[in-house]
Amino acid sequence: MSDKSKEKIMQDSIKAVLQLSKEDRMVQSSHKLLNSFPDKKKHLQEPLAKVEHQILNYKNKIGTYTQQIEEREKLVLIEKEKIKKSDLKMQAVKNQKEYAASQKEIETVNKIIKRVEDQILELEGQKEPIEEKLNTITVEYSEEKVILDKKLEKLVEEETSVKEKIGIYNALKKELLNKIDTDLLQKYEKLSQRKIIPSAIEISAPNCQGCAIAIPAQLFNEIIQFSNGVCPHCGRLLFYKKPKPVEEKPKTKTKKKATRKTKTAKKEKK
């Protein structure tokens, strides 16, 4: 293999490793973004979760009142059955004493019924405002739920898009790995395993763009000479890139300031 062919292969290898480094940086950002989605969803759902908790509390309170009312309504029915039995007894009484006893029994039962019915009315009065609150908050919840569902749908779309980007990266990575020199790839993978990303960068000045630390002049000269090197501080792979020539700004002609002739000079000229 000729020197030119070797050089061409090495240049392609360097291009591939630099491209891989850029993609690794992108995918790192994508993974961070992907990991943030559960917290974003939780943050969106928190306000409605609090409302759901309120709704549950209201329902539990209403359930308790309903149960207490039903228990008292059953008690009223039982007491009314007692009145019916007492009425039958009164029809069969033989003397005034038995009649008076039955009448007193009915009066006692009626008092119990009246007391229980008052309790039912009180419980219904306590239950009613809670039901109103529940109805109001349920309507508000339904409206907010529609808005939340749209936001969550958008978030899921973003999450899916990030996953697709990572999938594209993984496919591209397989292609790039085949183009990178074995020794260069081993160095690169060691840096990647240490989470040093980007692992390969281009430099045009004596400082590392990864760790932002100055590179010794002698080492920088070697990087220029051999087109590559290693940062002595962070270990990143460094590849020399010629700086872009500075475009010279076109010179603008300066206008000469017009000299004002004094009145005296005009007179002298005359």
C-alpha atoms as a PDB file:
ATOM      1  CA  MET A   1       0.000   0.000   0.000  1.00  0.00           C
ATOM      2  CA  SER A   2       1.354   3.389  -0.984  1.00  0.00           C
ATOM      3  CA  ASP A   3       1.980   6.214   1.477  1.00  0.00           C
ATOM      4  CA  LYS A   4      -0.809   8.226  -0.151  1.00  0.00           C
ATOM      5  CA  SER A   5      -3.267   5.365   0.370  1.00  0.00           C
ATOM      6  CA  LYS A   6      -2.220   5.011   4.010  1.00  0.00           C
ATOM      7  CA  GLU A   7      -2.585   8.744   4.515  1.00  0.00           C
ATOM      8  CA  LYS A   8      -6.027   8.679   2.894  1.00  0.00           C
ATOM      9  CA  ILE A   9      -7.152   5.822   5.165  1.00  0.00           C
ATOM     10  CA  MET A  10      -5.844   7.689   8.228  1.00  0.00           C
ATOM     11  CA  GLN A  11      -7.589  10.912   7.203  1.00  0.00           C
ATOM     12  CA  ASP A  12     -10.861   9.006   6.744  1.00  0.00           C
ATOM     13  CA  SER A  13     -10.318   7.394  10.129  1.00  0.00           C
ATOM     14  CA  ILE A  14      -9.777  10.789  11.757  1.00  0.00           C
ATOM     15  CA  LYS A  15     -12.901  12.206  10.084  1.00  0.00           C
ATOM     16  CA  ALA A  16     -14.894   9.218  11.304  1.00  0.00           C
ATOM     17  CA  VAL A  17     -13.672   9.479  14.899  1.00  0.00           C
ATOM     18  CA  LEU A  18     -14.382  13.231  14.960  1.00  0.00           C
ATOM     19  CA  GLN A  19     -17.867  12.599  13.571  1.00  0.00           C
ATOM     20  CA  LEU A  20     -18.377   9.845  16.147  1.00  0.00           C
ATOM     21  CA  SER A  21     -17.288  12.241  18.886  1.00  0.00           C
ATOM     22  CA  LYS A  22     -19.876  14.807  17.765  1.00  0.00           C
ATOM     23  CA  GLU A  23     -22.561  12.144  17.652  1.00  0.00           C
ATOM     24  CA  ASP A  24     -21.584  10.898  21.133  1.00  0.00           C
ATOM     25  CA  ARG A  25     -21.938  14.424  22.435  1.00  0.00           C
ATOM     26  CA  MET A  26     -25.348  14.719  20.808  1.00  0.00           C
ATOM     27  CA  VAL A  27     -26.536  11.373  22.136  1.00  0.00           C
ATOM     28  CA  GLN A  28     -25.313  12.254  25.632  1.00  0.00           C
ATOM     29  CA  SER A  29     -27.518  15.356  25.527  1.00  0.00           C
ATOM     30  CA  SER A  30     -30.356  13.250  24.108  1.00  0.00           C
ATOM     31  CA  HIS A  31     -30.074  10.719  26.955  1.00  0.00           C
ATOM     32  CA  LYS A  32     -30.097  13.526  29.532  1.00  0.00           C
ATOM     33  CA  LEU A  33     -33.187  14.939  27.866  1.00  0.00           C
ATOM     34  CA  LEU A  34     -34.778  11.482  27.743  1.00  0.00           C
ATOM     35  CA  ASN A  35     -34.120  10.950  31.457  1.00  0.00           C
ATOM     36  CA  SER A  36     -35.799  14.282  32.228  1.00  0.00           C
ATOM     37  CA  PHE A  37     -39.182  13.269  30.753  1.00  0.00           C
ATOM     38  CA  PRO A  38     -40.465  11.300  33.806  1.00  0.00           C
ATOM     39  CA  ASP A  39     -39.864  14.357  36.025  1.00  0.00           C
ATOM     40  CA  LYS A  40     -41.500  16.633  33.438  1.00  0.00           C
ATOM     41  CA  LYS A  41     -44.569  14.388  33.335  1.00  0.00           C
ATOM     42  CA  LYS A  42     -44.692  14.237  37.129  1.00  0.00           C
ATOM     43  CA  HIS A  43     -44.395  18.038  37.326  1.00  0.00           C
ATOM     44  CA  LEU A  44     -47.309  18.434  34.899  1.00  0.00           C
ATOM     45  CA  GLN A  45     -49.453  15.919  36.767  1.00  0.00           C
ATOM     46  CA  GLU A  46     -48.785  17.255  40.286  1.00  0.00           C
ATOM     47  CA  PRO A  47     -51.474  20.008  40.286  1.00  0.00           C
ATOM     48  CA  LEU A  48     -54.153  17.583  39.066  1.00  0.00           C
ATOM     49  CA  ALA A  49     -52.949  14.913  41.502  1.00  0.00           C
ATOM     50  CA  LYS A  50     -53.688  17.355  44.347  1.00  0.00           C
ATOM     51  CA  VAL A  51     -57.169  18.005  42.926  1.00  0.00           C
ATOM     52  CA  GLU A  52     -57.744  14.233  42.619  1.00  0.00           C
ATOM     53  CA  HIS A  53     -56.804  13.921  46.300  1.00  0.00           C
ATOM     54  CA  GLN A  54     -59.347  16.657  47.173  1.00  0.00           C
ATOM     55  CA  ILE A  55     -62.041  14.938  45.100  1.00  0.00           C
ATOM     56  CA  LEU A  56     -61.332  11.647  46.899  1.00  0.00           C
ATOM     57  CA  ASN A  57     -61.589  13.380  50.308  1.00  0.00           C
ATOM     58  CA  TYR A  58     -64.917  14.967  49.361  1.00  0.00           C
ATOM     59  CA  LYS A  59     -66.244  11.632  48.118  1.00  0.00           C
ATOM     60  CA  ASN A  60     -65.162   9.915  51.354  1.00  0.00           C
ATOM     61  CA  LYS A  61     -66.894  12.592  53.457  1.00  0.00           C
ATOM     62  CA  ILE A  62     -70.061  12.354  51.357  1.00  0.00           C
ATOM     63  CA  GLY A  63     -69.885   8.563  51.676  1.00  0.00           C
ATOM     64  CA  THR A  64     -69.646   8.845  55.479  1.00  0.00           C
ATOM     65  CA  TYR A  65     -72.629  11.231  55.654  1.00  0.00           C
ATOM     66  CA  THR A  66     -74.641   8.996  53.287  1.00  0.00           C
ATOM     67  CA  GLN A  67     -73.928   5.947  55.440  1.00  0.00           C
ATOM     68  CA  GLN A  68     -74.959   7.782  58.639  1.00  0.00           C
ATOM     69  CA  ILE A  69     -78.176   9.018  56.980  1.00  0.00           C
ATOM     70  CA  GLU A  70     -79.055   5.531  55.698  1.00  0.00           C
ATOM     71  CA  GLU A  71     -78.468   4.025  59.166  1.00  0.00           C
ATOM     72  CA  ARG A  72     -80.863   6.568  60.723  1.00  0.00           C
ATOM     73  CA  GLU A  73     -83.453   6.053  57.985  1.00  0.00           C
ATOM     74  CA  LYS A  74     -83.402   2.314  58.778  1.00  0.00           C
ATOM     75  CA  LEU A  75     -83.817   3.163  62.471  1.00  0.00           C
ATOM     76  CA  VAL A  76     -86.857   5.328  61.639  1.00  0.00           C
ATOM     77  CA  LEU A  77     -88.427   2.423  59.721  1.00  0.00           C
ATOM     78  CA  ILE A  78     -87.831   0.090  62.673  1.00  0.00           C
ATOM     79  CA  GLU A  79     -89.434   2.597  65.089  1.00  0.00           C
ATOM     80  CA  LYS A  80     -92.427   3.065  62.777  1.00  0.00           C
ATOM     81  CA  GLU A  81     -92.926  -0.694  62.787  1.00  0.00           C
ATOM     82  CA  LYS A  82     -93.087  -0.473  66.583  1.00  0.00           C
ATOM     83  CA  ILE A  83     -95.858   2.115  66.273  1.00  0.00           C
ATOM     84  CA  LYS A  84     -97.859  -0.218  64.023  1.00  0.00           C
ATOM     85  CA  LYS A  85     -97.526  -3.000  66.594  1.00  0.00           C
ATOM     86  CA  SER A  86     -98.555  -0.619  69.376  1.00  0.00           C
ATOM     87  CA  ASP A  87    -101.591   0.454  67.357  1.00  0.00           C
ATOM     88  CA  LEU A  88    -102.631  -3.198  67.073  1.00  0.00           C
ATOM     89  CA  LYS A  89    -102.177  -3.636  70.814  1.00  0.00           C
ATOM     90  CA  MET A  90    -104.401  -0.635  71.506  1.00  0.00           C
ATOM     91  CA  GLN A  91    -107.191  -2.256  69.535  1.00  0.00           C
ATOM     92  CA  ALA A  92    -107.002  -5.290  71.784  1.00  0.00           C
ATOM     93  CA  VAL A  93    -106.706  -3.527  75.179  1.00  0.00           C
ATOM     94  CA  LYS A  94    -109.272  -4.452  77.839  1.00  0.00           C
ATOM     95  CA  ASN A  95    -108.929  -1.516  80.231  1.00  0.00           C
ATOM     96  CA  GLN A  96    -107.854   2.113  80.486  1.00  0.00           C
ATOM     97  CA  LYS A  97    -104.530   1.222  82.124  1.00  0.00           C
ATOM     98  CA  GLU A  98    -103.402  -0.925  79.177  1.00  0.00           C
ATOM     99  CA  TYR A  99    -104.559   1.766  76.748  1.00  0.00           C
ATOM    100  CA  ALA A 100    -102.531   4.440  78.587  1.00  0.00           C
ATOM    101  CA  ALA A 101     -99.448   2.197  78.555  1.00  0.00           C
ATOM    102  CA  SER A 102     -99.737   1.641  74.815  1.00  0.00           C
ATOM    103  CA  GLN A 103    -100.300   5.369  74.219  1.00  0.00           C
ATOM    104  CA  LYS A 104     -97.187   6.220  76.239  1.00  0.00           C
ATOM    105  CA  GLU A 105     -95.164   3.645  74.261  1.00  0.00           C
ATOM    106  CA  ILE A 106     -96.281   5.278  70.984  1.00  0.00           C
ATOM    107  CA  GLU A 107     -95.351   8.766  72.264  1.00  0.00           C
ATOM    108  CA  THR A 108     -91.874   7.547  73.265  1.00  0.00           C
ATOM    109  CA  VAL A 109     -91.327   5.998  69.812  1.00  0.00           C
ATOM    110  CA  ASN A 110     -92.523   9.189  68.097  1.00  0.00           C
ATOM    111  CA  LYS A 111     -90.003  11.211  70.114  1.00  0.00           C
ATOM    112  CA  ILE A 112     -87.236   8.838  69.016  1.00  0.00           C
ATOM    113  CA  ILE A 113     -88.357   9.149  65.385  1.00  0.00           C
ATOM    114  CA  LYS A 114     -88.463  12.956  65.664  1.00  0.00           C
ATOM    115  CA  ARG A 115     -84.947  13.047  67.153  1.00  0.00           C
ATOM    116  CA  VAL A 116     -83.553  10.711  64.481  1.00  0.00           C
ATOM    117  CA  GLU A 117     -85.243  12.653  61.650  1.00  0.00           C
ATOM    118  CA  ASP A 118     -83.712  15.874  63.023  1.00  0.00           C
ATOM    119  CA  GLN A 119     -80.317  14.159  62.914  1.00  0.00           C
ATOM    120  CA  ILE A 120     -80.983  13.148  59.285  1.00  0.00           C
ATOM    121  CA  LEU A 121     -81.827  16.752  58.352  1.00  0.00           C
ATOM    122  CA  GLU A 122     -78.655  17.981  60.083  1.00  0.00           C
ATOM    123  CA  LEU A 123     -76.502  15.428  58.300  1.00  0.00           C
ATOM    124  CA  GLU A 124     -78.078  16.305  54.935  1.00  0.00           C
ATOM    125  CA  GLY A 125     -77.381  19.984  55.657  1.00  0.00           C
ATOM    126  CA  GLN A 126     -73.699  19.157  56.284  1.00  0.00           C
ATOM    127  CA  LYS A 127     -73.533  16.907  53.220  1.00  0.00           C
ATOM    128  CA  GLU A 128     -75.060  19.398  50.753  1.00  0.00           C
ATOM    129  CA  PRO A 129     -72.213  22.029  50.665  1.00  0.00           C
ATOM    130  CA  ILE A 130     -69.627  19.258  50.249  1.00  0.00           C
ATOM    131  CA  GLU A 131     -71.579  17.909  47.266  1.00  0.00           C
ATOM    132  CA  GLU A 132     -71.632  21.419  45.766  1.00  0.00           C
ATOM    133  CA  LYS A 133     -67.870  21.734  46.250  1.00  0.00           C
ATOM    134  CA  LEU A 134     -67.375  18.303  44.702  1.00  0.00           C
ATOM    135  CA  ASN A 135     -69.469  19.234  41.653  1.00  0.00           C
ATOM    136  CA  THR A 136     -67.544  22.513  41.171  1.00  0.00           C
ATOM    137  CA  ILE A 137     -64.114  20.968  41.573  1.00  0.00           C
ATOM    138  CA  THR A 138     -65.056  18.018  39.310  1.00  0.00           C
ATOM    139  CA  VAL A 139     -65.989  20.403  36.473  1.00  0.00           C
ATOM    140  CA  GLU A 140     -62.717  22.337  36.932  1.00  0.00           C
ATOM    141  CA  TYR A 141     -60.798  19.067  37.052  1.00  0.00           C
ATOM    142  CA  SER A 142     -62.349  17.889  33.778  1.00  0.00           C
ATOM    143  CA  GLU A 143     -61.352  21.147  32.046  1.00  0.00           C
ATOM    144  CA  GLU A 144     -57.793  21.002  33.406  1.00  0.00           C
ATOM    145  CA  LYS A 145     -57.555  17.312  32.483  1.00  0.00           C
ATOM    146  CA  VAL A 146     -58.183  18.163  28.819  1.00  0.00           C
ATOM    147  CA  ILE A 147     -55.341  20.746  28.902  1.00  0.00           C
ATOM    148  CA  LEU A 148     -53.048  18.320  30.740  1.00  0.00           C
ATOM    149  CA  ASP A 149     -53.727  15.503  28.257  1.00  0.00           C
ATOM    150  CA  LYS A 150     -52.692  17.785  25.382  1.00  0.00           C
ATOM    151  CA  LYS A 151     -49.481  18.778  27.192  1.00  0.00           C
ATOM    152  CA  LEU A 152     -48.698  15.149  28.000  1.00  0.00           C
ATOM    153  CA  GLU A 153     -49.382  14.175  24.397  1.00  0.00           C
ATOM    154  CA  LYS A 154     -46.917  16.821  23.204  1.00  0.00           C
ATOM    155  CA  LEU A 155     -44.366  15.610  25.762  1.00  0.00           C
ATOM    156  CA  VAL A 156     -44.767  12.011  24.567  1.00  0.00           C
ATOM    157  CA  GLU A 157     -44.206  13.193  20.980  1.00  0.00           C
ATOM    158  CA  GLU A 158     -40.983  14.942  22.069  1.00  0.00           C
ATOM    159  CA  GLU A 159     -39.892  11.824  23.961  1.00  0.00           C
ATOM    160  CA  THR A 160     -40.556   9.655  20.891  1.00  0.00           C
ATOM    161  CA  SER A 161     -38.578  12.090  18.719  1.00  0.00           C
ATOM    162  CA  VAL A 162     -35.577  11.900  21.078  1.00  0.00           C
ATOM    163  CA  LYS A 163     -35.735   8.087  21.050  1.00  0.00           C
ATOM    164  CA  GLU A 164     -35.767   8.128  17.249  1.00  0.00           C
ATOM    165  CA  LYS A 165     -32.690  10.395  17.210  1.00  0.00           C
ATOM    166  CA  ILE A 166     -30.866   7.985  19.512  1.00  0.00           C
ATOM    167  CA  GLY A 167     -31.863   5.123  17.206  1.00  0.00           C
ATOM    168  CA  ILE A 168     -30.463   6.984  14.196  1.00  0.00           C
ATOM    169  CA  TYR A 169     -27.252   7.645  16.151  1.00  0.00           C
ATOM    170  CA  ASN A 170     -26.835   3.953  17.000  1.00  0.00           C
ATOM    171  CA  ALA A 171     -27.178   3.037  13.328  1.00  0.00           C
ATOM    172  CA  LEU A 172     -24.697   5.738  12.309  1.00  0.00           C
ATOM    173  CA  LYS A 173     -22.271   4.675  15.027  1.00  0.00           C
ATOM    174  CA  LYS A 174     -22.054   1.173  13.549  1.00  0.00           C
ATOM    175  CA  GLU A 175     -21.074   2.662  10.199  1.00  0.00           C
ATOM    176  CA  LEU A 176     -18.473   4.992  11.706  1.00  0.00           C
ATOM    177  CA  LEU A 177     -16.850   2.285  13.854  1.00  0.00           C
ATOM    178  CA  ASN A 178     -15.951   0.325  10.736  1.00  0.00           C
ATOM    179  CA  LYS A 179     -14.057   3.335   9.343  1.00  0.00           C
ATOM    180  CA  ILE A 180     -11.900   4.028  12.407  1.00  0.00           C
ATOM    181  CA  ASP A 181      -8.368   2.669  12.823  1.00  0.00           C
ATOM    182  CA  THR A 182      -8.202  -0.067  15.480  1.00  0.00           C
ATOM    183  CA  ASP A 183      -5.609   1.661  17.707  1.00  0.00           C
ATOM    184  CA  LEU A 184      -7.425   4.984  17.437  1.00  0.00           C
ATOM    185  CA  LEU A 185     -10.727   3.315  18.234  1.00  0.00           C
ATOM    186  CA  GLN A 186      -9.307   1.649  21.348  1.00  0.00           C
ATOM    187  CA  LYS A 187      -8.057   5.012  22.645  1.00  0.00           C
ATOM    188  CA  TYR A 188     -11.399   6.588  21.860  1.00  0.00           C
ATOM    189  CA  GLU A 189     -13.434   3.865  23.600  1.00  0.00           C
ATOM    190  CA  LYS A 190     -11.286   4.107  26.764  1.00  0.00           C
ATOM    191  CA  LEU A 191     -12.109   7.816  26.957  1.00  0.00           C
ATOM    192  CA  SER A 192     -15.810   7.147  26.276  1.00  0.00           C
ATOM    193  CA  GLN A 193     -15.921   4.557  29.069  1.00  0.00           C
ATOM    194  CA  ARG A 194     -14.527   7.207  31.428  1.00  0.00           C
ATOM    195  CA  LYS A 195     -17.415   9.503  30.327  1.00  0.00           C
ATOM    196  CA  ILE A 196     -14.975  11.977  28.772  1.00  0.00           C
ATOM    197  CA  ILE A 197     -17.251  13.413  26.098  1.00  0.00           C
ATOM    198  CA  PRO A 198     -16.475  14.673  23.539  1.00  0.00           C
ATOM    199  CA  SER A 199     -13.520  12.302  23.392  1.00  0.00           C
ATOM    200  CA  ALA A 200     -12.023  13.667  20.155  1.00  0.00           C
ATOM    201  CA  ILE A 201     -11.884  17.335  19.170  1.00  0.00           C
ATOM    202  CA  GLU A 202     -10.260  19.633  16.639  1.00  0.00           C
ATOM    203  CA  ILE A 203      -8.062  22.512  17.758  1.00  0.00           C
ATOM    204  CA  SER A 204      -6.594  25.476  15.920  1.00  0.00           C
ATOM    205  CA  ALA A 205      -4.955  27.154  18.921  1.00  0.00           C
ATOM    206  CA  PRO A 206      -2.813  25.925  21.853  1.00  0.00           C
ATOM    207  CA  ASN A 207      -5.708  25.135  24.189  1.00  0.00           C
ATOM    208  CA  CYS A 208      -7.971  22.114  24.652  1.00  0.00           C
ATOM    209  CA  GLN A 209     -11.573  22.824  23.726  1.00  0.00           C
ATOM    210  CA  GLY A 210     -12.665  20.019  26.054  1.00  0.00           C
ATOM    211  CA  CYS A 211     -11.104  21.001  29.395  1.00  0.00           C
ATOM    212  CA  ALA A 212     -10.298  24.631  28.398  1.00  0.00           C
ATOM    213  CA  ILE A 213      -6.693  24.344  29.625  1.00  0.00           C
ATOM    214  CA  ALA A 214      -3.667  25.669  27.701  1.00  0.00           C
ATOM    215  CA  ILE A 215      -1.469  23.148  25.881  1.00  0.00           C
ATOM    216  CA  PRO A 216       2.338  23.511  26.171  1.00  0.00           C
ATOM    217  CA  ALA A 217       3.919  25.133  23.098  1.00  0.00           C
ATOM    218  CA  GLN A 218       6.148  22.140  22.311  1.00  0.00           C
ATOM    219  CA  LEU A 219       3.204  19.711  22.426  1.00  0.00           C
ATOM    220  CA  PHE A 220       1.099  22.022  20.275  1.00  0.00           C
ATOM    221  CA  ASN A 221       3.901  22.135  17.680  1.00  0.00           C
ATOM    222  CA  GLU A 222       3.972  18.327  17.648  1.00  0.00           C
ATOM    223  CA  ILE A 223       0.171  18.247  17.152  1.00  0.00           C
ATOM    224  CA  ILE A 224       0.607  20.626  14.197  1.00  0.00           C
ATOM    225  CA  GLN A 225       3.421  18.482  12.801  1.00  0.00           C
ATOM    226  CA  PHE A 226       1.652  15.105  13.170  1.00  0.00           C
ATOM    227  CA  SER A 227      -1.939  16.490  12.885  1.00  0.00           C
ATOM    228  CA  ASN A 228      -2.929  14.762  16.147  1.00  0.00           C
ATOM    229  CA  GLY A 229      -2.017  14.345  19.797  1.00  0.00           C
ATOM    230  CA  VAL A 230      -3.402  13.890  23.321  1.00  0.00           C
ATOM    231  CA  CYS A 231      -4.340  16.558  25.860  1.00  0.00           C
ATOM    232  CA  PRO A 232      -1.962  16.220  28.861  1.00  0.00           C
ATOM    233  CA  HIS A 233      -4.726  17.331  31.235  1.00  0.00           C
ATOM    234  CA  CYS A 234      -7.907  15.446  30.258  1.00  0.00           C
ATOM    235  CA  GLY A 235      -6.512  12.837  27.846  1.00  0.00           C
ATOM    236  CA  ARG A 236      -8.784  13.820  24.941  1.00  0.00           C
ATOM    237  CA  LEU A 237      -7.700  13.033  21.414  1.00  0.00           C
ATOM    238  CA  LEU A 238      -6.671  16.275  19.720  1.00  0.00           C
ATOM    239  CA  PHE A 239      -6.557  16.829  15.967  1.00  0.00           C
ATOM    240  CA  TYR A 240      -5.088  19.917  14.393  1.00  0.00           C
ATOM    241  CA  LYS A 241      -7.252  22.049  12.143  1.00  0.00           C
ATOM    242  CA  LYS A 242      -5.850  24.985  10.248  1.00  0.00           C
ATOM    243  CA  PRO A 243      -7.505  28.200  11.382  1.00  0.00           C
ATOM    244  CA  LYS A 244      -9.687  30.000   8.879  1.00  0.00           C
ATOM    245  CA  PRO A 245      -7.945  32.980   7.296  1.00  0.00           C
ATOM    246  CA  VAL A 246      -9.115  36.277   8.703  1.00  0.00           C
ATOM    247  CA  GLU A 247     -11.022  38.266   6.125  1.00  0.00           C
ATOM    248  CA  GLU A 248      -9.624  41.742   5.737  1.00  0.00           C
ATOM    249  CA  LYS A 249     -12.188  44.485   5.858  1.00  0.00           C
ATOM    250  CA  PRO A 250     -12.131  46.757   2.801  1.00  0.00           C
ATOM    251  CA  LYS A 251     -10.479  50.073   3.552  1.00  0.00           C
ATOM    252  CA  THR A 252     -12.862  52.987   3.526  1.00  0.00           C
ATOM    253  CA  LYS A 253     -11.687  56.250   2.006  1.00  0.00           C
ATOM    254  CA  THR A 254     -11.565  59.042   4.545  1.00  0.00           C
ATOM    255  CA  LYS A 255     -13.036  62.272   3.374  1.00  0.00           C
ATOM    256  CA  LYS A 256     -10.879  65.339   3.853  1.00  0.00           C
ATOM    257  CA  LYS A 257     -12.392  67.845   6.135  1.00  0.00           C
ATOM    258  CA  ALA A 258     -13.369  70.957   4.291  1.00  0.00           C
ATOM    259  CA  THR A 259     -11.529  74.005   5.651  1.00  0.00           C
ATOM    260  CA  ARG A 260     -13.602  76.984   6.336  1.00  0.00           C
ATOM    261  CA  LYS A 261     -12.283  80.251   5.027  1.00  0.00           C
ATOM    262  CA  THR A 262     -12.514  83.048   7.478  1.00  0.00           C
ATOM    263  CA  LYS A 263     -14.126  86.326   6.602  1.00  0.00           C
ATOM    264  CA  THR A 264     -10.713  87.997   6.868  1.00  0.00           C
ATOM    265  CA  ALA A 265      -9.186  85.604   4.312  1.00  0.00           C
ATOM    266  CA  LYS A 266     -12.002  86.343   1.902  1.00  0.00           C
ATOM    267  CA  LYS A 267     -11.414  90.029   2.293  1.00  0.00           C
ATOM    268  CA  GLU A 268      -7.691  89.597   1.699  1.00  0.00           C
ATOM    269  CA  LYS A 269      -8.400  87.551  -1.420  1.00  0.00           C
ATOM    270  CA  LYS A 270     -10.555  90.353  -2.718  1.00  0.00           C
END
